[in-house]
Amino acid sequence: MRLISILFFTLLAGFLGDVLLGGLLHWYNAGAVTAIAVMGAFIMDEIRSGQDGKS
């Protein structure tokens, strides 16, 4: 269930990044950049929680 929620939040961030940054600021591929940033944040959180022994 956690992986599905991560996928949902990544897709939502990509869509919102494309609409807000891409549409308003005319930033090409802004959705992809925000989706990659959100996925990176989730990966870093998983690595950090694994080091703490919470996984």
C-alpha atoms as a PDB file:
ATOM      1  CA  MET A   1       0.000   0.000   0.000  1.00  0.00           C
ATOM      2  CA  ARG A   2       2.902   2.342   0.724  1.00  0.00           C
ATOM      3  CA  LEU A   3       4.318   1.885  -2.774  1.00  0.00           C
ATOM      4  CA  ILE A   4       0.957   2.726  -4.326  1.00  0.00           C
ATOM      5  CA  SER A   5       0.712   5.920  -2.282  1.00  0.00           C
ATOM      6  CA  ILE A   6       4.266   6.883  -3.279  1.00  0.00           C
ATOM      7  CA  LEU A   7       3.359   6.319  -6.931  1.00  0.00           C
ATOM      8  CA  PHE A   8       0.199   8.404  -6.533  1.00  0.00           C
ATOM      9  CA  PHE A   9       2.026  11.306  -4.869  1.00  0.00           C
ATOM     10  CA  THR A  10       4.771  11.225  -7.512  1.00  0.00           C
ATOM     11  CA  LEU A  11       2.252  11.331 -10.352  1.00  0.00           C
ATOM     12  CA  LEU A  12       0.294  14.088  -8.606  1.00  0.00           C
ATOM     13  CA  ALA A  13       3.450  16.133  -8.064  1.00  0.00           C
ATOM     14  CA  GLY A  14       4.406  15.676 -11.708  1.00  0.00           C
ATOM     15  CA  PHE A  15       0.976  16.769 -12.882  1.00  0.00           C
ATOM     16  CA  LEU A  16       0.837  19.781 -10.575  1.00  0.00           C
ATOM     17  CA  GLY A  17       4.387  20.741 -11.456  1.00  0.00           C
ATOM     18  CA  ASP A  18       3.514  20.607 -15.124  1.00  0.00           C
ATOM     19  CA  VAL A  19       0.343  22.647 -14.660  1.00  0.00           C
ATOM     20  CA  LEU A  20       1.723  25.247 -12.258  1.00  0.00           C
ATOM     21  CA  LEU A  21       5.349  25.618 -13.296  1.00  0.00           C
ATOM     22  CA  GLY A  22       4.993  24.538 -16.897  1.00  0.00           C
ATOM     23  CA  GLY A  23       1.816  26.439 -17.620  1.00  0.00           C
ATOM     24  CA  LEU A  24       2.345  29.612 -15.677  1.00  0.00           C
ATOM     25  CA  LEU A  25       6.100  30.019 -16.042  1.00  0.00           C
ATOM     26  CA  HIS A  26       6.400  28.302 -19.464  1.00  0.00           C
ATOM     27  CA  TRP A  27       8.943  25.874 -18.065  1.00  0.00           C
ATOM     28  CA  TYR A  28       9.345  22.921 -20.439  1.00  0.00           C
ATOM     29  CA  ASN A  29       9.316  19.491 -18.689  1.00  0.00           C
ATOM     30  CA  ALA A  30       8.618  20.993 -15.275  1.00  0.00           C
ATOM     31  CA  GLY A  31       6.401  18.036 -14.404  1.00  0.00           C
ATOM     32  CA  ALA A  32       9.200  15.564 -14.957  1.00  0.00           C
ATOM     33  CA  VAL A  33      11.580  17.616 -12.834  1.00  0.00           C
ATOM     34  CA  THR A  34       9.149  17.829  -9.915  1.00  0.00           C
ATOM     35  CA  ALA A  35       8.276  14.130 -10.168  1.00  0.00           C
ATOM     36  CA  ILE A  36      11.958  13.190 -10.049  1.00  0.00           C
ATOM     37  CA  ALA A  37      12.500  15.499  -7.064  1.00  0.00           C
ATOM     38  CA  VAL A  38       9.584  13.943  -5.167  1.00  0.00           C
ATOM     39  CA  MET A  39      10.745  10.413  -5.964  1.00  0.00           C
ATOM     40  CA  GLY A  40      14.246  11.341  -4.797  1.00  0.00           C
ATOM     41  CA  ALA A  41      12.819  12.633  -1.531  1.00  0.00           C
ATOM     42  CA  PHE A  42      10.971   9.350  -0.993  1.00  0.00           C
ATOM     43  CA  ILE A  43      14.116   7.344  -1.763  1.00  0.00           C
ATOM     44  CA  MET A  44      16.204   9.416   0.642  1.00  0.00           C
ATOM     45  CA  ASP A  45      13.544   8.974   3.328  1.00  0.00           C
ATOM     46  CA  GLU A  46      13.590   5.200   2.835  1.00  0.00           C
ATOM     47  CA  ILE A  47      17.390   5.119   3.068  1.00  0.00           C
ATOM     48  CA  ARG A  48      17.360   7.257   6.197  1.00  0.00           C
ATOM     49  CA  SER A  49      14.666   5.167   7.913  1.00  0.00           C
ATOM     50  CA  GLY A  50      16.568   2.013   7.002  1.00  0.00           C
ATOM     51  CA  GLN A  51      19.669   3.334   8.749  1.00  0.00           C
ATOM     52  CA  ASP A  52      17.676   4.156  11.862  1.00  0.00           C
ATOM     53  CA  GLY A  53      16.330   0.630  12.008  1.00  0.00           C
ATOM     54  CA  LYS A  54      12.707   1.682  11.492  1.00  0.00           C
ATOM     55  CA  SER A  55      12.231  -0.303   8.285  1.00  0.00           C
END
